């Protein structure tokens, strides 16, 4: 028997949330808070997502990936 949370969000919802993180320039935590979902769930979706095609690159001056978590500067 699988977890009761396995299919909590549709694939379309996950794709839209991933795209929002990538296109908005905001952090995973900010987007997750706006959507009312766990930042760890959203982070888990963003990490394994396939890379963008060249025409989907982030705006200039924005990093193309999320900063590592748990690091101190």
Protein backbone atom coordinates (compact mmCIF):
# COMPACT_ATOMS: atom_id res chain seq x y z
CA UNK A 1 0.00 0.00 0.00
CA UNK A 2 1.41 3.40 -1.00
CA UNK A 3 1.48 6.62 0.92
CA UNK A 4 -1.79 8.54 1.10
CA UNK A 5 0.13 11.59 -0.22
CA UNK A 6 1.48 9.94 -3.38
CA UNK A 7 -1.03 11.55 -5.76
CA UNK A 8 -1.97 14.62 -3.77
CA UNK A 9 -1.07 17.03 -6.60
CA UNK A 10 -1.59 16.44 -10.32
CA UNK A 11 1.36 16.37 -12.72
CA UNK A 12 -0.01 19.52 -14.37
CA UNK A 13 -0.08 21.35 -11.01
CA UNK A 14 3.52 20.28 -10.33
CA UNK A 15 4.67 21.44 -13.79
CA UNK A 16 2.98 24.81 -13.30
CA UNK A 17 4.56 25.23 -9.84
CA UNK A 18 8.02 24.34 -11.21
CA UNK A 19 7.63 26.85 -14.03
CA UNK A 20 6.55 29.52 -11.57
CA UNK A 21 9.75 29.02 -9.57
CA UNK A 22 11.90 29.10 -12.71
CA UNK A 23 10.26 32.06 -14.39
CA UNK A 24 9.55 34.32 -11.40
CA UNK A 25 13.05 34.68 -9.99
CA UNK A 26 11.61 34.04 -6.53
CA UNK A 27 12.80 31.38 -4.13
CA UNK A 28 11.16 27.99 -3.75
CA UNK A 29 10.05 29.01 -0.26
CA UNK A 30 8.34 32.19 -1.51
CA UNK A 31 6.48 30.35 -4.27
CA UNK A 32 5.49 27.49 -1.96
CA UNK A 33 4.12 29.95 0.58
CA UNK A 34 2.10 31.69 -2.13
CA UNK A 35 0.67 28.37 -3.35
CA UNK A 36 0.02 27.08 0.18
CA UNK A 37 2.20 23.99 -0.20
CA UNK A 38 5.26 22.69 1.61
CA UNK A 39 8.53 24.21 0.43
CA UNK A 40 10.14 20.77 0.75
CA UNK A 41 7.53 19.28 -1.59
CA UNK A 42 8.10 22.01 -4.16
CA UNK A 43 11.88 21.71 -3.82
CA UNK A 44 11.56 17.97 -4.44
CA UNK A 45 9.64 18.64 -7.67
CA UNK A 46 12.07 21.29 -8.94
CA UNK A 47 15.26 19.25 -8.46
CA UNK A 48 14.43 16.26 -10.70
CA UNK A 49 12.59 18.32 -13.33
CA UNK A 50 14.09 18.08 -16.82
CA UNK A 51 16.34 20.96 -17.89
CA UNK A 52 14.94 23.85 -19.90
CA UNK A 53 15.34 24.11 -23.62
CA UNK A 54 17.40 27.11 -24.85
CA UNK A 55 14.26 29.15 -25.59
CA UNK A 56 13.17 28.69 -21.95
CA UNK A 57 16.27 30.19 -20.35
CA UNK A 58 15.88 32.44 -17.27
CA UNK A 59 16.05 36.22 -17.64
CA UNK A 60 19.57 37.73 -17.82
CA UNK A 61 21.16 38.27 -14.43
CA UNK A 62 19.18 35.48 -12.78
CA UNK A 63 20.80 32.20 -11.76
CA UNK A 64 19.62 29.19 -13.72
CA UNK A 65 19.27 26.99 -10.64
CA UNK A 66 18.27 27.25 -7.02
CA UNK A 67 20.92 27.85 -4.37
CA UNK A 68 21.78 24.84 -2.19
CA UNK A 69 19.86 24.64 1.05
CA UNK A 70 21.46 24.64 4.46
CA UNK A 71 24.53 26.64 3.49
CA UNK A 72 25.78 29.71 5.28
CA UNK A 73 27.53 32.64 3.72
